[in-house]
Structures are given as structure tokens and as C-alpha cells.
């Protein structure tokens, strides 16, 4: 484990986001870092597609709130 130097404003944003997301500041930073890496390595996918893929990979069966009418 290492120490990461970040700007005070970014740390403040992490602190605020962590409260909303019910994560620790470190967990929020790790989430943003992982998400950023996934976005950079999968430029053809949007945020929702990345989240759905990660949930499937973790064995989570996410269902849409509203089923499409077919």
C-alpha cells in the first residue's frame, strides 16, 4: 500500500462523495480509480455498460426496474 498525494479540492470532493455513497474516503478513491481504469481500457462502453459488466462478473443479477414492453 502506498500514499497518494492529491490536491486538497479533490480530497474534499472525495470526502463529500464518500458520504453520499456510504463509503470510506479510501473506498471512494479506489472506486473512482478502478472506474477510470475501466473507462480508459474500454472506450467503446458507456458507464452503465461497464457497471452491468462488472456486476455480472461479480455474480450479481441486476434487473431493470421497468421491464421493456415487447
N, C-alpha and C. Protein backbone atom coordinates (compact mmCIF):
# COMPACT_ATOMS: atom_id res chain seq x y z
N UNK A 1 0.84 -1.16 0.00
CA UNK A 1 0.00 0.00 0.00
C UNK A 1 0.89 1.23 0.00
N UNK A 2 0.47 2.24 -0.72
CA UNK A 2 1.26 3.45 -0.80
C UNK A 2 0.44 4.67 -0.45
N UNK A 3 1.09 5.77 -0.46
CA UNK A 3 0.43 7.04 -0.18
C UNK A 3 0.32 7.79 -1.50
N UNK A 4 -0.86 8.35 -1.75
CA UNK A 4 -1.10 9.11 -2.97
C UNK A 4 -1.31 10.57 -2.59
N UNK A 5 -0.55 11.45 -3.21
CA UNK A 5 -0.71 12.88 -2.99
C UNK A 5 -1.77 13.40 -3.93
N UNK A 6 -2.82 14.00 -3.40
CA UNK A 6 -3.85 14.61 -4.24
C UNK A 6 -4.10 16.03 -3.75
N UNK A 7 -4.66 16.84 -4.63
CA UNK A 7 -4.98 18.22 -4.28
C UNK A 7 -6.05 18.27 -3.20
N UNK A 8 -6.02 19.32 -2.41
CA UNK A 8 -6.99 19.48 -1.33
C UNK A 8 -8.43 19.48 -1.84
N UNK A 9 -8.66 20.12 -3.00
CA UNK A 9 -10.01 20.18 -3.55
C UNK A 9 -10.51 18.78 -3.93
N UNK A 10 -9.64 17.97 -4.52
CA UNK A 10 -10.04 16.61 -4.88
C UNK A 10 -10.32 15.79 -3.62
N UNK A 11 -9.53 15.97 -2.59
CA UNK A 11 -9.77 15.27 -1.33
C UNK A 11 -11.12 15.68 -0.74
N UNK A 12 -11.45 16.95 -0.84
CA UNK A 12 -12.75 17.43 -0.36
C UNK A 12 -13.88 16.79 -1.16
N UNK A 13 -13.70 16.69 -2.48
CA UNK A 13 -14.72 16.05 -3.32
C UNK A 13 -14.86 14.57 -2.95
N UNK A 14 -13.74 13.91 -2.68
CA UNK A 14 -13.78 12.51 -2.24
C UNK A 14 -14.57 12.37 -0.94
N UNK A 15 -14.28 13.26 0.01
CA UNK A 15 -14.97 13.22 1.30
C UNK A 15 -16.47 13.39 1.11
N UNK A 16 -16.86 14.35 0.29
CA UNK A 16 -18.30 14.58 0.06
C UNK A 16 -18.96 13.41 -0.66
N UNK A 17 -18.30 12.90 -1.69
CA UNK A 17 -18.86 11.77 -2.45
C UNK A 17 -18.95 10.52 -1.59
N UNK A 18 -17.98 10.33 -0.71
CA UNK A 18 -17.99 9.12 0.13
C UNK A 18 -19.19 9.11 1.08
N UNK A 19 -19.61 10.28 1.53
CA UNK A 19 -20.79 10.34 2.40
C UNK A 19 -22.05 9.95 1.64
N UNK A 20 -22.16 10.44 0.42
CA UNK A 20 -23.34 10.13 -0.40
C UNK A 20 -23.37 8.65 -0.76
N UNK A 21 -22.20 8.09 -1.05
CA UNK A 21 -22.09 6.70 -1.49
C UNK A 21 -21.95 5.71 -0.35
N UNK A 22 -21.94 6.21 0.90
CA UNK A 22 -21.78 5.35 2.08
C UNK A 22 -20.51 4.53 2.01
N UNK A 23 -19.42 5.18 1.57
CA UNK A 23 -18.11 4.54 1.50
C UNK A 23 -17.14 5.35 2.34
N UNK A 24 -16.03 4.72 2.71
CA UNK A 24 -14.95 5.48 3.33
C UNK A 24 -14.30 6.33 2.23
N UNK A 25 -13.51 7.31 2.64
CA UNK A 25 -12.81 8.14 1.66
C UNK A 25 -11.89 7.27 0.81
N UNK A 26 -11.18 6.33 1.45
CA UNK A 26 -10.29 5.44 0.69
C UNK A 26 -11.07 4.55 -0.27
N UNK A 27 -12.22 4.05 0.15
CA UNK A 27 -13.03 3.20 -0.73
C UNK A 27 -13.57 4.00 -1.91
N UNK A 28 -13.94 5.27 -1.66
CA UNK A 28 -14.42 6.12 -2.76
C UNK A 28 -13.30 6.38 -3.75
N UNK A 29 -12.09 6.66 -3.25
CA UNK A 29 -10.96 6.89 -4.14
C UNK A 29 -10.67 5.63 -4.96
N UNK A 30 -10.69 4.47 -4.32
CA UNK A 30 -10.44 3.22 -5.03
C UNK A 30 -11.51 2.99 -6.10
N UNK A 31 -12.76 3.31 -5.79
CA UNK A 31 -13.85 3.15 -6.76
C UNK A 31 -13.61 4.04 -7.97
N UNK A 32 -13.29 5.31 -7.72
CA UNK A 32 -13.04 6.23 -8.83
C UNK A 32 -11.84 5.79 -9.66
N UNK A 33 -10.81 5.31 -9.01
CA UNK A 33 -9.61 4.86 -9.73
C UNK A 33 -9.94 3.65 -10.61
N UNK A 34 -10.64 2.67 -10.03
CA UNK A 34 -10.99 1.47 -10.80
C UNK A 34 -11.90 1.83 -11.96
N UNK A 35 -12.88 2.67 -11.70
CA UNK A 35 -13.80 3.08 -12.76
C UNK A 35 -13.06 3.81 -13.87
N UNK A 36 -12.14 4.67 -13.50
CA UNK A 36 -11.33 5.37 -14.50
C UNK A 36 -10.52 4.41 -15.35
N UNK A 37 -9.92 3.42 -14.71
CA UNK A 37 -9.14 2.42 -15.45
C UNK A 37 -10.04 1.64 -16.40
N UNK A 38 -11.23 1.25 -15.92
CA UNK A 38 -12.16 0.51 -16.78
C UNK A 38 -12.61 1.35 -17.97
N UNK A 39 -12.85 2.64 -17.74
CA UNK A 39 -13.25 3.53 -18.84
C UNK A 39 -12.13 3.69 -19.86
N UNK A 40 -10.91 3.84 -19.38
CA UNK A 40 -9.79 4.01 -20.31
C UNK A 40 -9.51 2.74 -21.11
N UNK A 41 -9.70 1.59 -20.50
CA UNK A 41 -9.40 0.33 -21.20
C UNK A 41 -10.59 -0.21 -21.99
N UNK A 42 -11.75 0.43 -21.85
CA UNK A 42 -12.95 0.04 -22.58
C UNK A 42 -13.65 1.27 -23.15
N UNK A 43 -12.98 1.99 -24.04
CA UNK A 43 -13.54 3.26 -24.53
C UNK A 43 -14.84 3.10 -25.31
N UNK A 44 -15.15 1.91 -25.77
CA UNK A 44 -16.39 1.69 -26.53
C UNK A 44 -17.60 1.44 -25.65
N UNK A 45 -17.40 1.35 -24.32
CA UNK A 45 -18.51 1.10 -23.41
C UNK A 45 -18.86 2.37 -22.66
N UNK A 46 -20.16 2.56 -22.38
CA UNK A 46 -20.54 3.68 -21.55
C UNK A 46 -20.55 3.25 -20.08
N UNK A 47 -20.78 4.19 -19.19
CA UNK A 47 -20.74 3.91 -17.75
C UNK A 47 -21.67 2.77 -17.37
N UNK A 48 -22.91 2.83 -17.85
CA UNK A 48 -23.89 1.79 -17.49
C UNK A 48 -23.45 0.41 -17.97
N UNK A 49 -22.90 0.33 -19.16
CA UNK A 49 -22.43 -0.95 -19.68
C UNK A 49 -21.28 -1.49 -18.83
N UNK A 50 -20.39 -0.62 -18.40
CA UNK A 50 -19.28 -1.05 -17.55
C UNK A 50 -19.79 -1.56 -16.22
N UNK A 51 -20.73 -0.84 -15.61
CA UNK A 51 -21.29 -1.28 -14.32
C UNK A 51 -22.00 -2.62 -14.48
N UNK A 52 -22.81 -2.76 -15.51
CA UNK A 52 -23.52 -4.02 -15.75
C UNK A 52 -22.53 -5.17 -15.93
N UNK A 53 -21.47 -4.94 -16.68
CA UNK A 53 -20.46 -5.98 -16.90
C UNK A 53 -19.78 -6.38 -15.60
N UNK A 54 -19.44 -5.39 -14.79
CA UNK A 54 -18.78 -5.67 -13.52
C UNK A 54 -19.72 -6.41 -12.56
N UNK A 55 -20.99 -6.02 -12.54
CA UNK A 55 -21.96 -6.72 -11.69
C UNK A 55 -22.11 -8.18 -12.12
N UNK A 56 -22.22 -8.40 -13.43
CA UNK A 56 -22.30 -9.79 -13.94
C UNK A 56 -21.07 -10.58 -13.55
N UNK A 57 -19.90 -9.99 -13.70
CA UNK A 57 -18.65 -10.67 -13.37
C UNK A 57 -18.59 -11.02 -11.88
N UNK A 58 -19.27 -10.23 -11.05
CA UNK A 58 -19.29 -10.49 -9.61
C UNK A 58 -20.41 -11.44 -9.23
N UNK A 59 -21.21 -11.86 -10.22
CA UNK A 59 -22.29 -12.80 -9.94
C UNK A 59 -23.57 -12.14 -9.46
N UNK A 60 -23.69 -10.83 -9.67
CA UNK A 60 -24.90 -10.12 -9.27
C UNK A 60 -25.87 -10.10 -10.43
N UNK A 61 -27.10 -10.49 -10.15
CA UNK A 61 -28.14 -10.48 -11.18
C UNK A 61 -28.94 -9.20 -11.05
N UNK A 62 -28.55 -8.18 -11.76
CA UNK A 62 -29.26 -6.90 -11.73
C UNK A 62 -30.38 -6.92 -12.76
N UNK A 63 -31.55 -6.53 -12.32
CA UNK A 63 -32.69 -6.47 -13.23
C UNK A 63 -33.14 -5.02 -13.37
N UNK A 64 -33.60 -4.66 -14.55
CA UNK A 64 -34.09 -3.29 -14.72
C UNK A 64 -35.34 -3.06 -13.86
N UNK A 65 -35.53 -1.84 -13.39
CA UNK A 65 -36.72 -1.53 -12.60
C UNK A 65 -37.98 -1.61 -13.42
N UNK A 66 -37.87 -1.22 -14.68
CA UNK A 66 -39.03 -1.26 -15.59
C UNK A 66 -38.69 -2.20 -16.74
N UNK A 67 -39.46 -3.24 -16.87
CA UNK A 67 -39.25 -4.18 -17.98
C UNK A 67 -39.70 -3.52 -19.27
N UNK A 68 -38.93 -3.71 -20.32
CA UNK A 68 -39.31 -3.13 -21.61
C UNK A 68 -40.52 -3.89 -22.15
N UNK A 69 -41.37 -3.15 -22.80
CA UNK A 69 -42.58 -3.76 -23.36
C UNK A 69 -42.25 -4.27 -24.76
N UNK A 70 -42.43 -5.56 -24.94
CA UNK A 70 -42.13 -6.15 -26.26
C UNK A 70 -43.32 -6.88 -26.78
